[in-house]
Amino acid sequence: MKKIMIIDGGPRKTFNTASMLKKFAEGAASVDGDIEVKTVRLYGLDYKGCMSCMACKIKGKATNVCKFKDALTPILEDIAQADGLVLGSPIYFGDVTGQMRTFLERLAFPWLSYNDYSMTAPKRMPVVLLETMNGVPERNNSQGYGSMEYCISAALGEPERLIAYNTYQVKNYDRYELAGFSEEAKRAYREEHWEEDLQRAYEAGRRMAENILK
């Protein structure tokens, strides 16, 4: 059975990032019932970033999967055997969430060889990098997945990027000190674009599943 791993790096279970990833999963599952689509919420796990234990670099025992044992261990092992990978995160201060960055340290550091600085994952696979943000296409400060995008590209293959702009921060703007945002303008943008964003996520899921089955 083929397997797609979806990593949700957002804190909210049902908001923008989670909704986009759910649609992606639906799109992938619609192609073939024999494709397993597994979603993992990083905010539901107790784990740390790279511990600099260097266990993945020990001579004669080097590995491209992190050796540190915690709640992230089975997830990293699943990804090593997967056929597709989706990473999703809201953008905070121009970057992915701390949980996503911490996860990426554990994922990517074992890929890095300090002999020749190559990046080698257990296997190459299609990747989608999903972002949701308050910014708009013509004005935002997102650095996306930053330097980690290079690591992903080198080790797994060139990723597809999927971005939802100008997303809602809350459902009821009257309850919060958010005067810098026009709720009316954001609602109008959402009404015009949100369903399209969800459909793009669905179609991206279909594409990944179809590519895996080729």
Protein backbone atom coordinates (compact mmCIF):
# COMPACT_ATOMS: atom_id res chain seq x y z
CA MET A 1 0.00 0.00 0.00
CA LYS A 2 1.22 3.50 -0.85
CA LYS A 3 1.34 6.07 1.93
CA ILE A 4 1.17 9.86 2.13
CA MET A 5 2.23 11.57 5.37
CA ILE A 6 0.63 14.95 6.17
CA ILE A 7 2.31 16.99 8.91
CA ASP A 8 0.13 19.74 10.39
CA GLY A 9 2.31 22.37 12.05
CA GLY A 10 -0.58 24.63 13.06
CA PRO A 11 -1.96 25.00 16.60
CA ARG A 12 -5.67 25.06 15.75
CA LYS A 13 -7.43 21.80 14.93
CA THR A 14 -10.09 23.14 12.56
CA PHE A 15 -8.88 26.49 11.21
CA ASN A 16 -7.06 27.54 8.03
CA THR A 17 -4.08 25.19 7.86
CA ALA A 18 -6.03 22.20 9.16
CA SER A 19 -8.86 22.86 6.68
CA MET A 20 -6.46 23.04 3.74
CA LEU A 21 -4.71 19.83 4.80
CA LYS A 22 -8.04 18.06 5.25
CA LYS A 23 -8.97 18.95 1.67
CA PHE A 24 -5.57 17.74 0.47
CA ALA A 25 -6.18 14.42 2.21
CA GLU A 26 -9.63 14.14 0.64
CA GLY A 27 -8.17 14.79 -2.80
CA ALA A 28 -5.48 12.14 -2.34
CA ALA A 29 -7.94 9.58 -1.00
CA SER A 30 -10.31 10.17 -3.93
CA VAL A 31 -7.77 8.73 -6.39
CA ASP A 32 -7.39 5.25 -4.93
CA GLY A 33 -8.68 3.67 -1.75
CA ASP A 34 -5.45 1.72 -1.39
CA ILE A 35 -3.47 4.92 -0.68
CA GLU A 36 -3.12 5.46 3.06
CA VAL A 37 -3.24 9.13 4.02
CA LYS A 38 -2.03 9.78 7.57
CA THR A 39 -2.26 13.22 9.21
CA VAL A 40 -0.11 14.09 12.24
CA ARG A 41 -0.69 17.21 14.36
CA LEU A 42 2.64 18.40 15.76
CA TYR A 43 0.92 20.41 18.51
CA GLY A 44 -0.46 17.14 19.86
CA LEU A 45 3.00 15.59 20.32
CA ASP A 46 5.57 15.96 23.10
CA TYR A 47 8.94 16.25 21.37
CA LYS A 48 12.09 18.35 21.13
CA GLY A 49 14.21 19.75 18.33
CA CYS A 50 17.62 18.37 17.41
CA MET A 51 19.45 17.41 20.62
CA SER A 52 22.90 17.54 18.99
CA CYS A 53 23.50 14.00 20.25
CA MET A 54 25.22 13.19 16.91
CA ALA A 55 23.92 9.60 17.11
CA CYS A 56 23.00 9.81 13.43
CA LYS A 57 26.66 10.48 12.59
CA ILE A 58 28.45 7.69 14.52
CA LYS A 59 30.96 5.86 12.35
CA GLY A 60 29.65 2.50 11.24
CA LYS A 61 26.18 3.34 12.57
CA ALA A 62 25.33 6.51 10.63
CA THR A 63 21.67 6.78 9.69
CA ASN A 64 19.46 9.21 7.81
CA VAL A 65 16.63 8.89 10.36
CA CYS A 66 16.91 10.64 13.75
CA LYS A 67 17.95 8.26 16.57
CA PHE A 68 16.69 10.35 19.52
CA LYS A 69 13.67 8.63 21.08
CA ASP A 70 10.51 10.57 21.86
CA ALA A 71 6.99 11.04 20.46
CA LEU A 72 8.41 12.11 17.10
CA THR A 73 10.31 8.85 16.54
CA PRO A 74 7.49 6.79 14.96
CA ILE A 75 6.50 9.77 12.78
CA LEU A 76 10.01 10.13 11.37
CA GLU A 77 10.15 6.38 10.77
CA ASP A 78 6.82 6.56 8.92
CA ILE A 79 8.10 9.38 6.72
CA ALA A 80 11.23 7.38 5.89
CA GLN A 81 9.00 4.70 4.35
CA ALA A 82 6.32 6.99 2.88
CA ASP A 83 5.66 7.71 -0.78
CA GLY A 84 4.62 11.36 -0.40
CA LEU A 85 5.01 14.14 2.18
CA VAL A 86 2.93 17.25 2.90
CA LEU A 87 4.06 19.93 5.35
CA GLY A 88 1.55 22.57 6.41
CA SER A 89 2.02 25.61 8.64
CA PRO A 90 0.57 29.03 9.29
CA ILE A 91 3.10 31.83 8.91
CA TYR A 92 4.04 33.60 12.16
CA PHE A 93 6.46 36.54 12.08
CA GLY A 94 7.32 35.63 8.49
CA ASP A 95 8.22 32.02 9.31
CA VAL A 96 6.67 28.62 9.93
CA THR A 97 5.60 27.81 13.49
CA GLY A 98 8.17 26.84 16.10
CA GLN A 99 6.77 23.32 16.17
CA MET A 100 7.27 22.93 12.42
CA ARG A 101 10.81 24.30 12.55
CA THR A 102 11.65 21.97 15.45
CA PHE A 103 10.22 19.03 13.53
CA LEU A 104 12.25 19.94 10.44
CA GLU A 105 15.48 19.95 12.44
CA ARG A 106 14.83 16.37 13.48
CA LEU A 107 13.78 15.37 9.97
CA ALA A 108 16.60 16.97 7.99
CA PHE A 109 19.75 16.87 10.15
CA PRO A 110 20.24 13.10 9.72
CA TRP A 111 20.11 13.64 5.95
CA LEU A 112 23.16 15.91 6.07
CA SER A 113 26.57 14.30 5.56
CA TYR A 114 29.48 16.10 7.20
CA ASN A 115 31.81 14.16 4.90
CA ASP A 116 30.72 15.76 1.64
CA TYR A 117 27.75 17.98 2.71
CA SER A 118 25.32 16.01 0.57
CA MET A 119 21.66 15.66 1.62
CA THR A 120 20.33 12.09 1.42
CA ALA A 121 16.91 11.02 2.65
CA PRO A 122 15.90 7.33 2.97
CA LYS A 123 13.96 7.76 -0.30
CA ARG A 124 12.92 10.55 -2.65
CA MET A 125 9.24 11.42 -2.91
CA PRO A 126 6.85 14.18 -4.02
CA VAL A 127 6.51 16.98 -1.47
CA VAL A 128 3.99 19.80 -0.97
CA LEU A 129 4.80 22.79 1.25
CA LEU A 130 1.60 24.51 2.37
CA GLU A 131 1.41 27.94 3.98
CA THR A 132 -1.51 29.98 5.30
CA MET A 133 -0.98 33.64 6.13
CA ASN A 134 -2.53 37.06 6.77
CA GLY A 135 -0.43 38.69 4.05
CA VAL A 136 -1.57 39.14 0.47
CA PRO A 137 0.38 38.08 -2.64
CA GLU A 138 1.71 41.57 -3.30
CA ARG A 139 2.56 42.35 0.34
CA ASN A 140 3.73 39.79 2.88
CA ASN A 141 6.86 39.00 4.90
CA SER A 142 6.79 35.23 4.55
CA GLN A 143 10.10 33.42 4.27
CA GLY A 144 8.14 30.18 3.94
CA TYR A 145 10.16 27.16 4.98
CA GLY A 146 13.39 29.15 4.69
CA SER A 147 16.66 27.24 4.54
CA MET A 148 14.77 24.03 5.21
CA GLU A 149 13.22 24.27 1.76
CA TYR A 150 16.70 23.82 0.29
CA CYS A 151 17.22 20.71 2.44
CA ILE A 152 13.88 19.29 1.36
CA SER A 153 14.60 19.99 -2.31
CA ALA A 154 18.06 18.43 -2.17
CA ALA A 155 17.01 15.30 -0.26
CA LEU A 156 13.46 14.59 -1.44
CA GLY A 157 12.96 16.52 -4.67
CA GLU A 158 11.64 19.93 -5.76
CA PRO A 159 8.49 20.66 -3.70
CA GLU A 160 5.20 22.10 -4.87
CA ARG A 161 4.19 25.23 -2.93
CA LEU A 162 0.58 25.84 -1.97
CA ILE A 163 -0.25 29.19 -0.33
CA ALA A 164 -3.51 30.62 1.03
CA TYR A 165 -3.30 34.40 1.50
CA ASN A 166 -5.24 36.89 3.63
CA THR A 167 -6.82 34.23 5.80
CA TYR A 168 -9.09 34.89 8.78
CA GLN A 169 -7.31 35.08 12.13
CA VAL A 170 -10.50 34.64 14.16
CA LYS A 171 -14.17 33.97 13.48
CA ASN A 172 -15.46 37.05 15.32
CA TYR A 173 -13.31 40.18 14.98
CA ASP A 174 -15.51 42.16 17.40
CA ARG A 175 -14.11 40.16 20.35
CA TYR A 176 -10.44 41.05 19.79
CA GLU A 177 -8.08 44.02 19.56
CA LEU A 178 -7.51 43.68 15.81
CA ALA A 179 -8.30 47.20 14.61
CA GLY A 180 -5.38 47.09 12.17
CA PHE A 181 -7.42 44.69 10.04
CA SER A 182 -10.64 45.39 8.21
CA GLU A 183 -12.95 42.48 8.96
CA GLU A 184 -15.16 43.55 6.08
CA ALA A 185 -12.26 43.50 3.63
CA LYS A 186 -10.99 40.16 4.92
CA ARG A 187 -14.49 38.68 4.67
CA ALA A 188 -14.81 39.90 1.09
CA TYR A 189 -11.43 38.39 0.19
CA ARG A 190 -12.35 35.13 1.88
CA GLU A 191 -15.67 34.89 0.08
CA GLU A 192 -13.86 35.34 -3.23
CA HIS A 193 -10.83 33.10 -2.61
CA TRP A 194 -11.27 30.60 0.24
CA GLU A 195 -13.24 27.97 -1.64
CA GLU A 196 -10.71 28.28 -4.47
CA ASP A 197 -7.89 27.74 -1.96
CA LEU A 198 -9.59 24.61 -0.63
CA GLN A 199 -10.12 23.33 -4.16
CA ARG A 200 -6.44 23.94 -4.98
CA ALA A 201 -5.52 21.85 -1.93
CA TYR A 202 -7.90 19.09 -3.07
CA GLU A 203 -6.41 19.07 -6.57
CA ALA A 204 -2.87 19.05 -5.16
CA GLY A 205 -3.82 15.94 -3.19
CA ARG A 206 -5.12 14.28 -6.33
CA ARG A 207 -1.95 15.16 -8.24
CA MET A 208 0.31 13.72 -5.57
CA ALA A 209 -1.67 10.49 -5.39
CA GLU A 210 -1.69 10.15 -9.17
CA ASN A 211 2.07 10.76 -9.34
CA ILE A 212 2.69 8.13 -6.66
CA LEU A 213 0.69 5.54 -8.57
CA LYS A 214 2.47 6.11 -11.91
